[in-house]
């Protein structure tokens, strides 16, 4: 099933979800690590991985939004989910998308405004600039922490559904039966 049914996500949605999840975890590890490093060469090495993966996550997220808008529909909520819980889940998902788009935008803005893109990808020489001198860095830092918190809520809710409610949420996302 390429598309979702009323009970289960389709292969395309599942592939985008899990690929995005793995890339976002890698991005967060690399991003927080790069932020903590003073050595410009080590930071540059991390950012040479972080930046292209960030672009990939942006492209996947745009593809996901396009998929939901034009090609597929999400499954129904599991039976018995209270309305307030359903609204909270939808709010967390909207905030996840907003954080991802905000992080992509602030990251792209930092690369352009700071000239770091030219340093990282070969057209300019020199050490990396101090990103804190560029306004988008502040938004990037706040949104990274917001995304981390939202991911904790998202994973916590998934675990709650799987192990407390026992409504087989993982199976809806392609893990198990």
Foldseek 3Di string as FASTA:
>chain_A
DQQADQQAGHPLLLVLVVVLVVLLVLLLVLVVVLVPDPDQVVSLVSVLVNLVSLVVSVVSLVVNVCCCVPPYPDHHDQPPDDPVNVVVVVVLVVLLSVLSVLLSVLVVVLCVVQVVVCPSVPNDHDGGDDSVVPVSVVVNVVSSVVNVVSVVVVVVVQCCCCPVVVRPSVVSSPPDD
